[in-house]
C-alpha atoms as a PDB file:
ATOM      1  CA  MET A   1       0.048  -0.063   0.005  1.00  0.00           C
ATOM      2  CA  ASN A   2       1.268   3.484  -0.758  1.00  0.00           C
ATOM      3  CA  LEU A   3       0.443   6.736   1.006  1.00  0.00           C
ATOM      4  CA  GLY A   4      -2.207   7.727  -1.804  1.00  0.00           C
ATOM      5  CA  GLU A   5      -3.897   4.341  -1.351  1.00  0.00           C
ATOM      6  CA  LEU A   6      -3.907   4.725   2.578  1.00  0.00           C
ATOM      7  CA  LYS A   7      -5.246   8.280   2.255  1.00  0.00           C
ATOM      8  CA  LYS A   8      -8.140   7.195  -0.166  1.00  0.00           C
ATOM      9  CA  TYR A   9      -9.068   4.323   2.015  1.00  0.00           C
ATOM     10  CA  ILE A  10      -9.452   6.540   5.085  1.00  0.00           C
ATOM     11  CA  GLU A  11     -11.232   9.192   2.987  1.00  0.00           C
ATOM     12  CA  SER A  12     -13.770   6.615   2.180  1.00  0.00           C
ATOM     13  CA  PHE A  13     -15.226   6.631   5.684  1.00  0.00           C
ATOM     14  CA  PRO A  14     -17.900   9.105   6.694  1.00  0.00           C
ATOM     15  CA  ASP A  15     -16.657  12.167   8.489  1.00  0.00           C
ATOM     16  CA  GLY A  16     -16.390  11.810  12.186  1.00  0.00           C
ATOM     17  CA  THR A  17     -15.893   8.051  12.018  1.00  0.00           C
ATOM     18  CA  ARG A  18     -14.129   6.613  15.125  1.00  0.00           C
ATOM     19  CA  PHE A  19     -11.559   3.999  14.944  1.00  0.00           C
ATOM     20  CA  GLU A  20     -10.437   1.625  17.805  1.00  0.00           C
ATOM     21  CA  TYR A  21      -6.654   2.260  16.631  1.00  0.00           C
ATOM     22  CA  SER A  22      -4.668   5.114  15.563  1.00  0.00           C
ATOM     23  CA  LEU A  23      -1.484   5.914  13.688  1.00  0.00           C
ATOM     24  CA  SER A  24       1.653   7.385  15.162  1.00  0.00           C
ATOM     25  CA  GLU A  25       3.266  10.438  13.668  1.00  0.00           C
ATOM     26  CA  PRO A  26       5.032   9.295  10.496  1.00  0.00           C
ATOM     27  CA  PHE A  27       8.791   8.534  10.483  1.00  0.00           C
ATOM     28  CA  SER A  28      11.286   7.412   7.937  1.00  0.00           C
ATOM     29  CA  TRP A  29      11.337   3.553   7.780  1.00  0.00           C
ATOM     30  CA  ARG A  30      14.649   2.048   8.653  1.00  0.00           C
ATOM     31  CA  GLY A  31      14.257  -0.735   6.080  1.00  0.00           C
ATOM     32  CA  VAL A  32      14.401   1.879   3.305  1.00  0.00           C
ATOM     33  CA  TYR A  33      14.775   5.431   4.523  1.00  0.00           C
ATOM     34  CA  ALA A  34      13.010   6.803   1.406  1.00  0.00           C
ATOM     35  CA  GLU A  35       9.770   5.179   2.514  1.00  0.00           C
ATOM     36  CA  VAL A  36       7.474   6.265   5.320  1.00  0.00           C
ATOM     37  CA  ALA A  37       6.448   4.191   8.364  1.00  0.00           C
ATOM     38  CA  PHE A  38       3.756   4.500  11.087  1.00  0.00           C
ATOM     39  CA  SER A  39       3.006   2.580  14.308  1.00  0.00           C
ATOM     40  CA  ILE A  40      -0.335   1.356  15.017  1.00  0.00           C
ATOM     41  CA  LYS A  41      -1.484   2.761  18.418  1.00  0.00           C
ATOM     42  CA  ASP A  42      -3.848   1.252  20.736  1.00  0.00           C
ATOM     43  CA  LYS A  43      -5.811   4.481  21.177  1.00  0.00           C
ATOM     44  CA  GLN A  44      -9.115   5.617  19.513  1.00  0.00           C
ATOM     45  CA  CYS A  45      -9.100   8.335  16.961  1.00  0.00           C
ATOM     46  CA  THR A  46     -11.236   9.876  14.327  1.00  0.00           C
ATOM     47  CA  LYS A  47     -11.043   9.734  10.553  1.00  0.00           C
ATOM     48  CA  GLU A  48      -9.878  13.327  10.620  1.00  0.00           C
ATOM     49  CA  GLU A  49      -7.051  12.620  13.008  1.00  0.00           C
ATOM     50  CA  LEU A  50      -5.765   9.802  10.741  1.00  0.00           C
ATOM     51  CA  LEU A  51      -5.945  12.090   7.714  1.00  0.00           C
ATOM     52  CA  ALA A  52      -3.977  14.705   9.541  1.00  0.00           C
ATOM     53  CA  LYS A  53      -1.096  12.129  10.213  1.00  0.00           C
ATOM     54  CA  ILE A  54      -1.174  11.007   6.485  1.00  0.00           C
ATOM     55  CA  GLU A  55      -0.977  14.702   5.428  1.00  0.00           C
ATOM     56  CA  MET A  56       2.023  15.135   7.767  1.00  0.00           C
ATOM     57  CA  ALA A  57       3.726  12.429   5.891  1.00  0.00           C
ATOM     58  CA  LEU A  58       2.943  14.131   2.575  1.00  0.00           C
ATOM     59  CA  SER A  59       3.933  17.542   3.633  1.00  0.00           C
ATOM     60  CA  ASP A  60       6.800  17.318   5.990  1.00  0.00           C
ATOM     61  CA  GLU A  61      10.489  16.456   5.495  1.00  0.00           C
ATOM     62  CA  PHE A  62      11.946  13.415   7.327  1.00  0.00           C
ATOM     63  CA  TYR A  63      15.257  12.565   8.458  1.00  0.00           C
ATOM     64  CA  GLY A  64      16.490   9.055   7.879  1.00  0.00           C
ATOM     65  CA  TYR A  65      17.636   6.931  10.831  1.00  0.00           C
ATOM     66  CA  LYS A  66      21.324   7.026   9.748  1.00  0.00           C
ATOM     67  CA  GLY A  67      21.094  10.269   7.815  1.00  0.00           C
ATOM     68  CA  GLY A  68      19.674  12.147   4.961  1.00  0.00           C
ATOM     69  CA  ASP A  69      16.471  14.185   4.427  1.00  0.00           C
ATOM     70  CA  PHE A  70      13.375  12.619   2.738  1.00  0.00           C
ATOM     71  CA  ARG A  71      10.118  13.843   1.323  1.00  0.00           C
ATOM     72  CA  TYR A  72       7.166  11.471   0.709  1.00  0.00           C
ATOM     73  CA  ASP A  73       4.508  11.582  -1.940  1.00  0.00           C
ATOM     74  CA  GLU A  74       1.347   9.578  -2.776  1.00  0.00           C
ATOM     75  CA  HIS A  75       3.340   6.782  -4.462  1.00  0.00           C
ATOM     76  CA  THR A  76       5.662   6.251  -1.423  1.00  0.00           C
ATOM     77  CA  PRO A  77       5.124   2.705   0.139  1.00  0.00           C
ATOM     78  CA  VAL A  78       3.879   2.668   3.581  1.00  0.00           C
ATOM     79  CA  ASN A  79       5.367   0.294   6.190  1.00  0.00           C
ATOM     80  CA  PHE A  80       4.532  -0.252   9.921  1.00  0.00           C
ATOM     81  CA  GLU A  81       7.118  -0.504  12.838  1.00  0.00           C
ATOM     82  CA  GLU A  82       7.099  -0.069  16.417  1.00  0.00           C
ATOM     83  CA  ASP A  83       9.212   3.150  16.304  1.00  0.00           C
ATOM     84  CA  CYS A  84      11.843   4.922  14.138  1.00  0.00           C
ATOM     85  CA  GLY A  85      14.650   2.749  15.462  1.00  0.00           C
ATOM     86  CA  SER A  86      13.005  -0.686  14.693  1.00  0.00           C
ATOM     87  CA  TYR A  87      13.311  -2.858  11.647  1.00  0.00           C
ATOM     88  CA  THR A  88      11.407  -6.126  11.745  1.00  0.00           C
ATOM     89  CA  ASP A  89      10.740  -6.628   7.992  1.00  0.00           C
ATOM     90  CA  GLY A  90       7.114  -7.413   8.726  1.00  0.00           C
ATOM     91  CA  GLY A  91       7.420  -8.942  12.132  1.00  0.00           C
ATOM     92  CA  TYR A  92       5.670  -5.796  13.765  1.00  0.00           C
ATOM     93  CA  THR A  93       2.810  -6.008  11.233  1.00  0.00           C
ATOM     94  CA  GLU A  94       2.382  -9.716  11.916  1.00  0.00           C
ATOM     95  CA  LYS A  95       2.337  -8.969  15.664  1.00  0.00           C
ATOM     96  CA  LYS A  96      -0.213  -6.289  15.400  1.00  0.00           C
ATOM     97  CA  ILE A  97      -2.460  -8.391  13.159  1.00  0.00           C
ATOM     98  CA  SER A  98      -2.398 -11.224  15.478  1.00  0.00           C
ATOM     99  CA  GLU A  99      -3.204  -8.741  18.483  1.00  0.00           C
ATOM    100  CA  ILE A 100      -6.161  -7.270  16.659  1.00  0.00           C
ATOM    101  CA  LEU A 101      -7.433 -10.578  15.580  1.00  0.00           C
ATOM    102  CA  LYS A 102      -6.755 -12.028  19.139  1.00  0.00           C
ATOM    103  CA  LEU A 103      -4.599 -14.872  17.603  1.00  0.00           C
ATOM    104  CA  SER A 104      -1.295 -16.185  18.725  1.00  0.00           C
ATOM    105  CA  PRO A 105       1.403 -14.783  16.504  1.00  0.00           C
ATOM    106  CA  ALA A 106       2.849 -17.121  13.858  1.00  0.00           C
ATOM    107  CA  SER A 107       6.609 -17.416  13.662  1.00  0.00           C
ATOM    108  CA  SER A 108       6.581 -16.246   9.860  1.00  0.00           C
ATOM    109  CA  PRO A 109       4.133 -15.133   7.414  1.00  0.00           C
ATOM    110  CA  GLU A 110       4.361 -18.402   5.769  1.00  0.00           C
ATOM    111  CA  GLU A 111       3.205 -20.267   8.996  1.00  0.00           C
ATOM    112  CA  ARG A 112       0.388 -17.668   9.236  1.00  0.00           C
ATOM    113  CA  LEU A 113      -0.795 -18.383   5.704  1.00  0.00           C
ATOM    114  CA  VAL A 114      -0.758 -22.145   6.229  1.00  0.00           C
ATOM    115  CA  LYS A 115      -2.688 -21.853   9.523  1.00  0.00           C
ATOM    116  CA  LEU A 116      -5.256 -19.493   7.916  1.00  0.00           C
ATOM    117  CA  ALA A 117      -5.624 -21.550   4.604  1.00  0.00           C
ATOM    118  CA  PHE A 118      -5.754 -25.103   6.328  1.00  0.00           C
ATOM    119  CA  LYS A 119      -7.790 -24.656   9.409  1.00  0.00           C
ATOM    120  CA  ASN A 120     -10.571 -26.809  10.866  1.00  0.00           C
END
């Protein structure tokens, strides 16, 4: 998903929609500094608050974890990590999905796929 797709998805909800989760402020993703990242926060928020965080990613300049300044646009891939110093290559996303679905986390995306595809 890129920033434009994320923005369009959130905009599709009625004004004032409340969500159980929120986004952190955007930061430069440690996996590829030229890509944006957010954390998923266990805090309610509104559609408008989410859009403000996305707009921040589209308008501000960000400093990469090991240097460099970056600007993001609607084509910039979106990543999710616990914080700006973390790089889990999808591990954080897997953990948050498991928490939201109230499942025990899989040790890999492949294990998760197998358990979802071949369940009783």
